[in-house]
């Protein structure tokens, strides 16, 4: 009898390949040398998106710094209210930006839902093993889906061949450990996904496990 071993990293590769085939640009986390591991936002993508969309406003680099800082600094009194405020800002409301040169204020949107070609108007990036350091905690979510540099979806995978690595373990990793240890990243995650190969479910970081949607 042949003993066939299947590693979680192999499942991760297959999962990432499916996303890449669907149009997500794939970048290994170890290749993001132009980011600080304390920063949840991948700023090069966000800055490039903003310059592409608002390049006609004659904004300076300081203006773009202000717009990015507004997103970073959005927060409320609890993790839940903070995540809700960030989701509203990014996915719905946008905000009124007043350029530093005193010119006409305009509405800034961090995602472009209205473009004729949404795939070209936004930057869709899939990153595996995205290292995040907050305080003394260092975490590496298996897969992070970013749109315009904002980590909107966190995916945790478990080895389909390991009976001890269950989908419940994946839920605990996201909804207990990541929520507790890297809240400055998780505040952006409107969606979380857990999978063990045969079962794949989605919910939010605040969703009880029994309510994760199959």
N, C-alpha and C. Protein backbone atom coordinates (compact mmCIF):
# COMPACT_ATOMS: atom_id res chain seq x y z
N UNK A 1 0.83 -1.18 0.00
CA UNK A 1 0.00 0.00 0.00
C UNK A 1 0.88 1.25 0.00
N UNK A 2 0.59 2.19 -0.89
CA UNK A 2 1.38 3.40 -1.01
C UNK A 2 0.81 4.47 -0.07
N UNK A 3 1.66 5.04 0.75
CA UNK A 3 1.24 6.11 1.66
C UNK A 3 1.38 7.45 0.94
N UNK A 4 0.28 8.05 0.56
CA UNK A 4 0.30 9.33 -0.16
C UNK A 4 0.08 10.46 0.83
N UNK A 5 1.04 11.35 0.90
CA UNK A 5 0.94 12.49 1.80
C UNK A 5 0.50 13.72 1.01
N UNK A 6 -0.42 14.46 1.60
CA UNK A 6 -0.93 15.68 0.97
C UNK A 6 -0.74 16.81 1.96
N UNK A 7 -0.05 17.86 1.52
CA UNK A 7 0.27 18.96 2.42
C UNK A 7 -0.67 20.14 2.19
N UNK A 8 -0.88 20.90 3.25
CA UNK A 8 -1.75 22.07 3.15
C UNK A 8 -1.25 23.05 2.10
N UNK A 9 0.06 23.17 1.97
CA UNK A 9 0.64 24.09 0.99
C UNK A 9 0.22 23.73 -0.44
N UNK A 10 0.02 22.42 -0.69
CA UNK A 10 -0.42 21.99 -2.02
C UNK A 10 -1.86 22.44 -2.28
N UNK A 11 -2.70 22.33 -1.27
CA UNK A 11 -4.08 22.81 -1.41
C UNK A 11 -4.08 24.32 -1.62
N UNK A 12 -3.21 25.00 -0.90
CA UNK A 12 -3.09 26.45 -1.06
C UNK A 12 -2.70 26.80 -2.49
N UNK A 13 -1.77 26.06 -3.07
CA UNK A 13 -1.34 26.32 -4.45
C UNK A 13 -2.49 26.15 -5.43
N UNK A 14 -3.28 25.09 -5.22
CA UNK A 14 -4.42 24.84 -6.10
C UNK A 14 -5.46 25.96 -5.95
N UNK A 15 -5.71 26.35 -4.73
CA UNK A 15 -6.68 27.41 -4.45
C UNK A 15 -6.25 28.72 -5.11
N UNK A 16 -4.98 29.06 -4.95
CA UNK A 16 -4.45 30.29 -5.54
C UNK A 16 -4.49 30.22 -7.06
N UNK A 17 -4.22 29.06 -7.63
CA UNK A 17 -4.26 28.92 -9.08
C UNK A 17 -5.66 29.17 -9.62
N UNK A 18 -6.67 28.68 -8.90
CA UNK A 18 -8.06 28.93 -9.31
C UNK A 18 -8.36 30.42 -9.31
N UNK A 19 -7.90 31.12 -8.32
CA UNK A 19 -8.11 32.57 -8.25
C UNK A 19 -7.36 33.28 -9.37
N UNK A 20 -6.13 32.83 -9.62
CA UNK A 20 -5.35 33.42 -10.70
C UNK A 20 -6.02 33.22 -12.05
N UNK A 21 -6.57 32.03 -12.27
CA UNK A 21 -7.29 31.75 -13.52
C UNK A 21 -8.53 32.61 -13.66
N UNK A 22 -9.11 33.01 -12.52
CA UNK A 22 -10.32 33.84 -12.53
C UNK A 22 -10.01 35.32 -12.71
N UNK A 23 -8.71 35.66 -12.78
CA UNK A 23 -8.35 37.04 -13.06
C UNK A 23 -7.65 37.79 -11.95
N UNK A 24 -7.46 37.13 -10.81
CA UNK A 24 -6.74 37.78 -9.71
C UNK A 24 -5.24 37.71 -9.97
N UNK A 25 -4.56 38.82 -9.86
CA UNK A 25 -3.10 38.84 -10.01
C UNK A 25 -2.49 38.21 -8.76
N UNK A 26 -1.63 37.23 -8.94
CA UNK A 26 -1.05 36.52 -7.81
C UNK A 26 0.33 37.05 -7.45
N UNK A 27 0.52 37.32 -6.17
CA UNK A 27 1.82 37.73 -5.66
C UNK A 27 2.09 36.99 -4.35
N UNK A 28 3.18 36.22 -4.26
CA UNK A 28 3.52 35.60 -2.98
C UNK A 28 3.82 36.66 -1.94
N UNK A 29 3.41 36.42 -0.70
CA UNK A 29 3.64 37.41 0.34
C UNK A 29 5.10 37.76 0.52
N UNK A 30 5.98 36.78 0.31
CA UNK A 30 7.41 37.02 0.50
C UNK A 30 8.00 37.97 -0.54
N UNK A 31 7.26 38.22 -1.62
CA UNK A 31 7.76 39.12 -2.67
C UNK A 31 7.29 40.56 -2.50
N UNK A 32 6.51 40.83 -1.45
CA UNK A 32 6.04 42.19 -1.21
C UNK A 32 7.10 42.94 -0.40
N UNK A 33 8.24 43.14 -1.01
CA UNK A 33 9.37 43.77 -0.32
C UNK A 33 9.17 45.26 -0.11
N UNK A 34 8.18 45.84 -0.80
CA UNK A 34 7.96 47.28 -0.71
C UNK A 34 6.85 47.64 0.28
N UNK A 35 6.63 46.78 1.28
CA UNK A 35 5.65 47.09 2.32
C UNK A 35 6.24 46.78 3.70
N UNK A 36 5.76 47.50 4.69
CA UNK A 36 6.08 47.19 6.07
C UNK A 36 5.14 46.11 6.54
N UNK A 37 5.64 45.15 7.30
CA UNK A 37 4.78 44.05 7.76
C UNK A 37 3.82 44.51 8.85
N UNK A 38 3.95 45.75 9.29
CA UNK A 38 3.00 46.33 10.24
C UNK A 38 1.85 47.04 9.53
N UNK A 39 1.89 47.09 8.21
CA UNK A 39 0.89 47.82 7.43
C UNK A 39 -0.03 46.83 6.72
N UNK A 40 -1.32 46.86 7.06
CA UNK A 40 -2.27 45.93 6.45
C UNK A 40 -2.60 46.29 5.02
N UNK A 41 -2.52 47.57 4.68
CA UNK A 41 -2.81 48.03 3.32
C UNK A 41 -1.56 47.86 2.46
N UNK A 42 -1.75 47.39 1.22
CA UNK A 42 -0.64 47.37 0.28
C UNK A 42 -0.68 48.69 -0.47
N UNK A 43 0.07 49.65 0.05
CA UNK A 43 -0.05 51.04 -0.41
C UNK A 43 0.27 51.25 -1.89
N UNK A 44 1.26 50.56 -2.49
CA UNK A 44 1.52 50.79 -3.92
C UNK A 44 0.27 50.60 -4.79
N UNK A 45 -0.52 49.56 -4.51
CA UNK A 45 -1.74 49.34 -5.30
C UNK A 45 -2.77 50.44 -5.05
N UNK A 46 -2.95 50.82 -3.79
CA UNK A 46 -3.94 51.84 -3.48
C UNK A 46 -3.55 53.18 -4.09
N UNK A 47 -2.29 53.53 -4.01
CA UNK A 47 -1.83 54.80 -4.57
C UNK A 47 -1.97 54.79 -6.10
N UNK A 48 -1.63 53.68 -6.73
CA UNK A 48 -1.77 53.60 -8.20
C UNK A 48 -3.22 53.71 -8.63
N UNK A 49 -4.12 53.06 -7.88
CA UNK A 49 -5.55 53.17 -8.19
C UNK A 49 -6.03 54.61 -8.06
N UNK A 50 -5.66 55.26 -6.96
CA UNK A 50 -6.11 56.64 -6.73
C UNK A 50 -5.59 57.58 -7.82
N UNK A 51 -4.34 57.39 -8.22
CA UNK A 51 -3.76 58.25 -9.26
C UNK A 51 -4.44 58.01 -10.60
N UNK A 52 -4.80 56.76 -10.85
CA UNK A 52 -5.48 56.45 -12.11
C UNK A 52 -6.88 57.06 -12.14
N UNK A 53 -7.58 56.99 -11.02
CA UNK A 53 -8.96 57.48 -10.99
C UNK A 53 -9.07 58.99 -10.82
N UNK A 54 -8.15 59.58 -10.06
CA UNK A 54 -8.27 61.00 -9.73
C UNK A 54 -7.10 61.82 -10.27
N UNK A 55 -6.45 61.29 -11.30
CA UNK A 55 -5.30 61.98 -11.88
C UNK A 55 -5.63 63.33 -12.47
N UNK A 56 -6.91 63.56 -12.82
CA UNK A 56 -7.29 64.84 -13.41
C UNK A 56 -7.51 65.93 -12.36
N UNK A 57 -7.33 65.61 -11.07
CA UNK A 57 -7.57 66.58 -10.00
C UNK A 57 -6.31 67.36 -9.61
N UNK A 58 -5.20 67.07 -10.27
CA UNK A 58 -3.93 67.74 -9.98
C UNK A 58 -3.53 67.63 -8.51
N UNK A 59 -3.70 66.44 -7.97
CA UNK A 59 -3.35 66.22 -6.58
C UNK A 59 -1.85 66.02 -6.42
N UNK A 60 -1.33 66.42 -5.26
CA UNK A 60 0.07 66.18 -4.92
C UNK A 60 0.20 64.86 -4.17
N UNK A 61 1.45 64.43 -3.96
CA UNK A 61 1.67 63.22 -3.17
C UNK A 61 1.12 63.39 -1.76
N UNK A 62 1.18 64.62 -1.22
CA UNK A 62 0.62 64.86 0.11
C UNK A 62 -0.89 64.68 0.13
N UNK A 63 -1.54 65.04 -0.98
CA UNK A 63 -2.98 64.80 -1.07
C UNK A 63 -3.28 63.31 -1.00
N UNK A 64 -2.52 62.52 -1.78
CA UNK A 64 -2.73 61.07 -1.76
C UNK A 64 -2.42 60.50 -0.38
N UNK A 65 -1.40 61.05 0.28
CA UNK A 65 -1.09 60.62 1.65
C UNK A 65 -2.30 60.84 2.56
N UNK A 66 -2.95 61.98 2.41
CA UNK A 66 -4.11 62.31 3.25
C UNK A 66 -5.27 61.34 2.99
N UNK A 67 -5.50 61.04 1.71
CA UNK A 67 -6.60 60.14 1.36
C UNK A 67 -6.35 58.74 1.92
N UNK A 68 -5.11 58.28 1.82
CA UNK A 68 -4.77 56.95 2.35
C UNK A 68 -4.83 56.95 3.88
N UNK A 69 -4.37 58.04 4.50
CA UNK A 69 -4.41 58.14 5.96
C UNK A 69 -5.85 58.13 6.47
N UNK A 70 -6.77 58.71 5.71
CA UNK A 70 -8.17 58.71 6.12
C UNK A 70 -8.70 57.29 6.25
N UNK A 71 -8.31 56.43 5.32
CA UNK A 71 -8.72 55.03 5.37
C UNK A 71 -8.05 54.32 6.55
N UNK A 72 -6.75 54.52 6.70
CA UNK A 72 -6.02 53.86 7.78
C UNK A 72 -6.57 54.24 9.16
N UNK A 73 -6.95 55.50 9.31
CA UNK A 73 -7.32 56.00 10.63
C UNK A 73 -8.80 55.88 10.96
N UNK A 74 -9.59 55.33 10.04
CA UNK A 74 -11.00 55.14 10.33
C UNK A 74 -11.18 54.14 11.46
N UNK A 75 -11.88 54.54 12.50
CA UNK A 75 -12.07 53.67 13.64
C UNK A 75 -13.22 54.13 14.50
N UNK A 76 -13.70 53.22 15.34
CA UNK A 76 -14.78 53.52 16.28
C UNK A 76 -14.42 52.93 17.64
N UNK A 77 -15.36 52.85 18.53
CA UNK A 77 -15.09 52.46 19.91
C UNK A 77 -14.92 50.95 20.11
N UNK A 78 -15.42 50.14 19.17
CA UNK A 78 -15.27 48.69 19.26
C UNK A 78 -14.80 48.14 17.92
N UNK A 79 -14.30 46.91 17.94
CA UNK A 79 -13.85 46.28 16.68
C UNK A 79 -15.00 46.14 15.70
N UNK A 80 -16.19 45.79 16.21
CA UNK A 80 -17.34 45.61 15.34
C UNK A 80 -17.73 46.93 14.68
N UNK A 81 -17.82 48.00 15.46
CA UNK A 81 -18.20 49.30 14.91
C UNK A 81 -17.13 49.83 13.96
N UNK A 82 -15.87 49.54 14.26
CA UNK A 82 -14.78 49.94 13.36
C UNK A 82 -14.90 49.24 12.02
N UNK A 83 -15.12 47.91 12.05
CA UNK A 83 -15.26 47.16 10.80
C UNK A 83 -16.45 47.66 10.00
N UNK A 84 -17.54 47.99 10.68
CA UNK A 84 -18.72 48.51 10.00
C UNK A 84 -18.44 49.86 9.35
N UNK A 85 -17.72 50.73 10.07
CA UNK A 85 -17.38 52.04 9.53
C UNK A 85 -16.46 51.93 8.32
N UNK A 86 -15.49 51.02 8.40
CA UNK A 86 -14.57 50.83 7.28
C UNK A 86 -15.32 50.28 6.07
N UNK A 87 -16.19 49.30 6.30
CA UNK A 87 -16.97 48.72 5.20
C UNK A 87 -17.84 49.79 4.52
N UNK A 88 -18.46 50.63 5.32
CA UNK A 88 -19.30 51.70 4.76
C UNK A 88 -18.47 52.67 3.94
N UNK A 89 -17.31 53.06 4.48
CA UNK A 89 -16.42 53.98 3.77
C UNK A 89 -15.94 53.42 2.45
N UNK A 90 -15.48 52.16 2.48
CA UNK A 90 -14.86 51.56 1.29
C UNK A 90 -15.89 51.11 0.26
N UNK A 91 -16.95 50.50 0.72
CA UNK A 91 -17.87 49.84 -0.21
C UNK A 91 -19.11 50.66 -0.55
N UNK A 92 -19.35 51.73 0.17
CA UNK A 92 -20.60 52.46 -0.07
C UNK A 92 -20.41 53.98 -0.16
N UNK A 93 -20.04 54.60 0.95
CA UNK A 93 -20.18 56.05 1.08
C UNK A 93 -19.05 56.85 0.43
N UNK A 94 -17.80 56.36 0.52
CA UNK A 94 -16.70 57.23 0.15
C UNK A 94 -16.64 58.39 1.13
N UNK A 95 -15.87 59.43 0.78
CA UNK A 95 -15.88 60.61 1.65
C UNK A 95 -15.49 61.85 0.86
N UNK A 96 -15.86 63.01 1.38
CA UNK A 96 -15.58 64.28 0.72
C UNK A 96 -14.17 64.72 1.05
N UNK A 97 -13.34 64.82 0.00
CA UNK A 97 -11.96 65.23 0.21
C UNK A 97 -11.77 66.69 -0.20
N UNK A 98 -11.07 67.44 0.64
CA UNK A 98 -10.77 68.84 0.38
C UNK A 98 -9.29 68.95 0.01
N UNK A 99 -8.97 69.17 -1.26
CA UNK A 99 -7.56 69.24 -1.68
C UNK A 99 -6.78 70.29 -0.91
N UNK A 100 -5.50 70.04 -0.73
CA UNK A 100 -4.65 70.93 0.06
C UNK A 100 -4.45 72.28 -0.60
N UNK A 101 -4.66 72.36 -1.91
CA UNK A 101 -4.49 73.66 -2.59
C UNK A 101 -5.75 74.51 -2.53
N UNK A 102 -6.78 74.04 -1.84
CA UNK A 102 -7.99 74.83 -1.68
C UNK A 102 -8.98 74.71 -2.83
N UNK A 103 -8.69 73.84 -3.78
CA UNK A 103 -9.60 73.69 -4.92
C UNK A 103 -10.87 72.95 -4.50
N UNK A 104 -11.78 72.78 -5.45
CA UNK A 104 -13.11 72.24 -5.18
C UNK A 104 -13.04 70.85 -4.53
N UNK A 105 -13.75 70.65 -3.41
CA UNK A 105 -13.81 69.31 -2.81
C UNK A 105 -14.49 68.32 -3.76
N UNK A 106 -14.18 67.06 -3.60
CA UNK A 106 -14.81 66.03 -4.42
C UNK A 106 -14.91 64.74 -3.62
N UNK A 107 -15.75 63.86 -4.09
CA UNK A 107 -15.98 62.58 -3.40
C UNK A 107 -14.91 61.57 -3.82
N UNK A 108 -14.28 60.96 -2.83
CA UNK A 108 -13.27 59.93 -3.07
C UNK A 108 -13.89 58.56 -2.78
N UNK A 109 -13.72 57.64 -3.73
CA UNK A 109 -14.16 56.25 -3.55
C UNK A 109 -12.93 55.34 -3.66
N UNK A 110 -12.81 54.43 -2.72
CA UNK A 110 -11.66 53.53 -2.69
C UNK A 110 -11.83 52.33 -3.61
N UNK A 111 -13.05 52.08 -4.06
CA UNK A 111 -13.33 51.05 -5.07
C UNK A 111 -14.15 51.70 -6.17
N UNK A 112 -13.94 51.24 -7.40
CA UNK A 112 -14.70 51.78 -8.52
C UNK A 112 -15.70 50.73 -9.00
N UNK A 113 -16.96 50.90 -8.56
CA UNK A 113 -18.02 49.99 -8.96
C UNK A 113 -18.69 50.42 -10.27
N UNK A 114 -18.45 51.66 -10.70
CA UNK A 114 -19.21 52.24 -11.80
C UNK A 114 -18.50 52.20 -13.14
N UNK A 115 -17.26 51.76 -13.16
CA UNK A 115 -16.52 51.72 -14.42
C UNK A 115 -17.14 50.73 -15.39
N UNK A 116 -16.99 51.02 -16.67
CA UNK A 116 -17.48 50.09 -17.69
C UNK A 116 -16.77 48.75 -17.58
N UNK A 117 -15.50 48.77 -17.29
CA UNK A 117 -14.72 47.55 -17.09
C UNK A 117 -14.16 47.58 -15.67
N UNK A 118 -14.90 46.99 -14.74
CA UNK A 118 -14.52 47.03 -13.33
C UNK A 118 -13.18 46.34 -13.11
N UNK A 119 -12.91 45.28 -13.88
CA UNK A 119 -11.67 44.53 -13.71
C UNK A 119 -10.44 45.38 -14.05
N UNK A 120 -10.59 46.31 -15.00
CA UNK A 120 -9.47 47.17 -15.38
C UNK A 120 -9.39 48.42 -14.51
N UNK A 121 -10.52 48.84 -13.97
CA UNK A 121 -10.55 50.06 -13.16
C UNK A 121 -10.00 49.83 -11.76
N UNK A 122 -10.03 48.59 -11.30
CA UNK A 122 -9.55 48.24 -9.98
C UNK A 122 -8.40 47.24 -10.08
N UNK A 123 -7.64 47.13 -9.01
CA UNK A 123 -6.50 46.22 -8.97
C UNK A 123 -6.85 45.04 -8.07
N UNK A 124 -7.01 43.88 -8.66
CA UNK A 124 -7.39 42.66 -7.94
C UNK A 124 -6.14 41.82 -7.70
N UNK A 125 -5.77 41.66 -6.43
CA UNK A 125 -4.53 40.94 -6.12
C UNK A 125 -4.78 39.84 -5.08
N UNK A 126 -4.26 38.67 -5.37
CA UNK A 126 -4.32 37.52 -4.47
C UNK A 126 -2.93 37.31 -3.88
N UNK A 127 -2.85 37.26 -2.55
CA UNK A 127 -1.57 37.11 -1.87
C UNK A 127 -1.65 35.94 -0.90
N UNK A 128 -0.68 35.05 -0.95
CA UNK A 128 -0.66 33.97 0.04
C UNK A 128 0.45 34.22 1.05
N UNK A 129 0.23 33.72 2.27
CA UNK A 129 1.19 33.89 3.37
C UNK A 129 1.53 35.37 3.56
N UNK A 130 0.48 36.17 3.76
CA UNK A 130 0.63 37.61 3.97
C UNK A 130 0.99 37.86 5.43
N UNK A 131 2.24 38.26 5.65
CA UNK A 131 2.72 38.44 7.02
C UNK A 131 2.24 39.76 7.61
N UNK A 132 1.69 39.68 8.82
CA UNK A 132 1.18 40.87 9.49
C UNK A 132 1.66 40.87 10.93
N UNK A 133 2.35 41.95 11.30
CA UNK A 133 2.87 42.10 12.65
C UNK A 133 2.12 43.21 13.36
N UNK A 134 1.56 42.89 14.53
CA UNK A 134 0.88 43.90 15.33
C UNK A 134 1.24 43.67 16.79
N UNK A 135 1.88 44.67 17.39
CA UNK A 135 2.39 44.48 18.73
C UNK A 135 3.43 43.37 18.73
N UNK A 136 3.22 42.37 19.55
CA UNK A 136 4.15 41.23 19.60
C UNK A 136 3.63 40.04 18.82
N UNK A 137 2.49 40.20 18.17
CA UNK A 137 1.87 39.08 17.45
C UNK A 137 2.22 39.13 15.96
N UNK A 138 2.63 37.99 15.44
CA UNK A 138 2.95 37.86 14.02
C UNK A 138 2.06 36.77 13.43
N UNK A 139 1.22 37.15 12.48
CA UNK A 139 0.29 36.19 11.87
C UNK A 139 0.48 36.18 10.36
N UNK A 140 0.15 35.03 9.74
CA UNK A 140 0.25 34.86 8.29
C UNK A 140 -1.01 34.19 7.77
N UNK A 141 -2.05 34.96 7.47
CA UNK A 141 -3.23 34.36 6.84
C UNK A 141 -2.84 33.62 5.57
N UNK A 142 -3.50 32.49 5.31
CA UNK A 142 -3.14 31.67 4.15
C UNK A 142 -3.27 32.45 2.83
N UNK A 143 -4.43 33.05 2.63
CA UNK A 143 -4.69 33.80 1.39
C UNK A 143 -5.43 35.09 1.74
N UNK A 144 -4.99 36.18 1.16
CA UNK A 144 -5.67 37.47 1.34
C UNK A 144 -6.03 37.99 -0.04
N UNK A 145 -7.28 38.39 -0.21
CA UNK A 145 -7.71 39.00 -1.46
C UNK A 145 -7.78 40.50 -1.26
N UNK A 146 -7.00 41.21 -2.07
CA UNK A 146 -6.95 42.67 -1.98
C UNK A 146 -7.55 43.29 -3.23
N UNK A 147 -8.31 44.34 -3.03
CA UNK A 147 -8.76 45.17 -4.15
C UNK A 147 -8.23 46.56 -3.89
N UNK A 148 -7.44 47.05 -4.82
CA UNK A 148 -6.78 48.36 -4.68
C UNK A 148 -5.96 48.44 -3.40
N UNK A 149 -5.33 47.33 -3.05
CA UNK A 149 -4.44 47.30 -1.90
C UNK A 149 -5.13 47.16 -0.57
N UNK A 150 -6.45 46.98 -0.55
CA UNK A 150 -7.21 46.87 0.69
C UNK A 150 -7.57 45.40 0.92
N UNK A 151 -7.19 44.83 2.06
CA UNK A 151 -7.43 43.39 2.30
C UNK A 151 -8.89 43.10 2.67
N UNK A 152 -9.72 42.94 1.66
CA UNK A 152 -11.16 42.82 1.87
C UNK A 152 -11.62 41.41 2.20
N UNK A 153 -10.79 40.41 1.92
CA UNK A 153 -11.17 39.03 2.20
C UNK A 153 -9.98 38.25 2.73
N UNK A 154 -10.20 37.54 3.83
CA UNK A 154 -9.17 36.68 4.42
C UNK A 154 -9.65 35.24 4.32
N UNK A 155 -8.78 34.36 3.81
CA UNK A 155 -9.12 32.97 3.57
C UNK A 155 -8.19 32.07 4.39
N UNK A 156 -8.76 31.14 5.11
CA UNK A 156 -7.96 30.19 5.89
C UNK A 156 -8.25 28.78 5.39
N UNK A 157 -7.20 28.05 5.04
CA UNK A 157 -7.31 26.72 4.47
C UNK A 157 -6.76 25.67 5.43
N UNK A 158 -7.37 24.50 5.43
CA UNK A 158 -6.87 23.38 6.21
C UNK A 158 -6.65 22.17 5.31
N UNK A 159 -5.67 21.37 5.67
CA UNK A 159 -5.26 20.21 4.88
C UNK A 159 -6.41 19.21 4.73
N UNK A 160 -6.89 18.98 3.51
CA UNK A 160 -7.99 18.03 3.31
C UNK A 160 -7.65 16.61 3.74
N UNK A 161 -6.37 16.26 3.78
CA UNK A 161 -5.96 14.89 4.11
C UNK A 161 -5.67 14.69 5.59
N UNK A 162 -5.79 15.76 6.38
CA UNK A 162 -5.50 15.67 7.81
C UNK A 162 -6.80 15.72 8.60
N UNK A 163 -7.22 14.62 9.21
CA UNK A 163 -8.48 14.59 9.95
C UNK A 163 -8.47 15.50 11.17
N UNK A 164 -7.28 15.88 11.64
CA UNK A 164 -7.17 16.76 12.80
C UNK A 164 -7.30 18.24 12.41
N UNK A 165 -7.13 18.55 11.12
CA UNK A 165 -7.21 19.94 10.64
C UNK A 165 -8.59 20.16 10.04
N UNK A 166 -9.49 20.61 10.86
CA UNK A 166 -10.89 20.74 10.45
C UNK A 166 -11.25 22.17 10.06
N UNK A 167 -12.42 22.29 9.46
CA UNK A 167 -12.91 23.61 9.10
C UNK A 167 -13.19 24.44 10.35
N UNK A 168 -13.47 23.77 11.46
CA UNK A 168 -13.64 24.48 12.73
C UNK A 168 -12.33 25.13 13.17
N UNK A 169 -11.21 24.45 12.90
CA UNK A 169 -9.91 25.03 13.21
C UNK A 169 -9.69 26.31 12.40
N UNK A 170 -10.14 26.28 11.14
CA UNK A 170 -10.00 27.46 10.28
C UNK A 170 -10.84 28.62 10.81
N UNK A 171 -12.05 28.29 11.27
CA UNK A 171 -12.91 29.33 11.85
C UNK A 171 -12.26 29.95 13.08
N UNK A 172 -11.69 29.11 13.95
CA UNK A 172 -11.03 29.61 15.15
C UNK A 172 -9.84 30.49 14.80
N UNK A 173 -9.11 30.10 13.76
CA UNK A 173 -7.94 30.87 13.36
C UNK A 173 -8.34 32.29 12.98
N UNK A 174 -9.42 32.44 12.21
CA UNK A 174 -9.84 33.76 11.77
C UNK A 174 -10.59 34.51 12.87
N UNK A 175 -11.62 33.87 13.40
CA UNK A 175 -12.59 34.59 14.24
C UNK A 175 -12.15 34.74 15.69
N UNK A 176 -11.13 34.00 16.08
CA UNK A 176 -10.61 34.17 17.44
C UNK A 176 -9.19 34.75 17.39
N UNK A 177 -8.26 34.04 16.72
CA UNK A 177 -6.86 34.47 16.78
C UNK A 177 -6.61 35.74 15.96
N UNK A 178 -7.06 35.76 14.69
CA UNK A 178 -6.79 36.95 13.88
C UNK A 178 -7.53 38.17 14.41
N UNK A 179 -8.78 37.98 14.82
CA UNK A 179 -9.54 39.10 15.39
C UNK A 179 -8.84 39.66 16.62
N UNK A 180 -8.29 38.77 17.43
CA UNK A 180 -7.61 39.18 18.67
C UNK A 180 -6.23 39.78 18.41
N UNK A 181 -5.47 39.19 17.47
CA UNK A 181 -4.05 39.51 17.34
C UNK A 181 -3.74 40.56 16.28
N UNK A 182 -4.54 40.63 15.20
CA UNK A 182 -4.23 41.60 14.14
C UNK A 182 -5.50 42.38 13.75
N UNK A 183 -6.11 43.08 14.73
CA UNK A 183 -7.34 43.82 14.44
C UNK A 183 -7.17 44.93 13.42
N UNK A 184 -5.97 45.51 13.32
CA UNK A 184 -5.76 46.60 12.37
C UNK A 184 -5.81 46.11 10.92
N UNK A 185 -5.66 44.80 10.71
CA UNK A 185 -5.85 44.22 9.39
C UNK A 185 -7.29 43.73 9.23
N UNK A 186 -7.79 43.08 10.26
CA UNK A 186 -9.11 42.47 10.15
C UNK A 186 -10.23 43.52 10.01
N UNK A 187 -9.98 44.77 10.38
CA UNK A 187 -11.03 45.78 10.26
C UNK A 187 -11.42 46.00 8.79
N UNK A 188 -10.56 45.62 7.85
CA UNK A 188 -10.86 45.78 6.43
C UNK A 188 -11.58 44.57 5.84
N UNK A 189 -11.53 43.43 6.54
CA UNK A 189 -12.01 42.17 5.97
C UNK A 189 -13.54 42.07 6.03
N UNK A 190 -14.18 42.51 4.98
CA UNK A 190 -15.64 42.42 4.91
C UNK A 190 -16.10 40.97 4.79
N UNK A 191 -15.23 40.11 4.25
CA UNK A 191 -15.58 38.71 4.02
C UNK A 191 -14.45 37.82 4.51
N UNK A 192 -14.82 36.70 5.12
CA UNK A 192 -13.84 35.69 5.49
C UNK A 192 -14.31 34.34 4.95
N UNK A 193 -13.35 33.51 4.55
CA UNK A 193 -13.66 32.21 3.95
C UNK A 193 -12.84 31.14 4.66
N UNK A 194 -13.49 30.03 4.97
CA UNK A 194 -12.80 28.88 5.59
C UNK A 194 -13.05 27.65 4.72
N UNK A 195 -12.01 26.81 4.59
CA UNK A 195 -12.16 25.64 3.71
C UNK A 195 -11.22 24.52 4.14
N UNK A 196 -11.71 23.28 4.02
CA UNK A 196 -10.86 22.11 4.21
C UNK A 196 -10.87 21.23 2.96
N UNK A 197 -11.17 21.83 1.84
CA UNK A 197 -11.18 21.09 0.57
C UNK A 197 -12.55 20.57 0.21
N UNK A 198 -13.19 19.87 1.12
CA UNK A 198 -14.52 19.33 0.83
C UNK A 198 -15.62 20.29 1.29
N UNK A 199 -15.31 21.12 2.27
CA UNK A 199 -16.27 22.11 2.76
C UNK A 199 -15.65 23.50 2.64
N UNK A 200 -16.38 24.39 2.02
CA UNK A 200 -15.93 25.78 1.92
C UNK A 200 -17.09 26.67 2.32
N UNK A 201 -16.85 27.57 3.28
CA UNK A 201 -17.92 28.42 3.79
C UNK A 201 -17.43 29.85 3.92
N UNK A 202 -18.40 30.77 3.93
CA UNK A 202 -18.03 32.17 4.05
C UNK A 202 -18.92 32.86 5.07
N UNK A 203 -18.36 33.90 5.66
CA UNK A 203 -19.09 34.71 6.62
C UNK A 203 -18.28 35.94 6.92
N UNK A 204 -18.54 36.56 8.05
CA UNK A 204 -17.72 37.68 8.49
C UNK A 204 -16.90 37.23 9.69
N UNK A 205 -15.98 38.05 10.11
CA UNK A 205 -15.17 37.70 11.27
C UNK A 205 -15.99 37.67 12.56
N UNK A 206 -17.21 38.18 12.51
CA UNK A 206 -18.08 38.21 13.68
C UNK A 206 -19.18 37.14 13.63
N UNK A 207 -19.15 36.32 12.57
CA UNK A 207 -20.19 35.31 12.38
C UNK A 207 -19.90 34.05 13.20
N UNK A 208 -20.84 33.59 14.04
CA UNK A 208 -20.66 32.31 14.73
C UNK A 208 -20.46 31.19 13.70
N UNK A 209 -19.68 30.20 14.06
CA UNK A 209 -19.34 29.15 13.09
C UNK A 209 -20.57 28.50 12.47
N UNK A 210 -21.61 28.25 13.27
CA UNK A 210 -22.79 27.55 12.74
C UNK A 210 -23.53 28.36 11.69
N UNK A 211 -23.24 29.66 11.60
CA UNK A 211 -23.91 30.50 10.62
C UNK A 211 -23.06 30.82 9.39
N UNK A 212 -21.85 30.25 9.35
CA UNK A 212 -21.05 30.43 8.13
C UNK A 212 -21.80 29.76 6.98
N UNK A 213 -21.83 30.46 5.83
CA UNK A 213 -22.68 30.04 4.71
C UNK A 213 -21.93 29.09 3.78
N UNK A 214 -22.51 27.95 3.53
CA UNK A 214 -21.87 26.95 2.66
C UNK A 214 -21.96 27.35 1.20
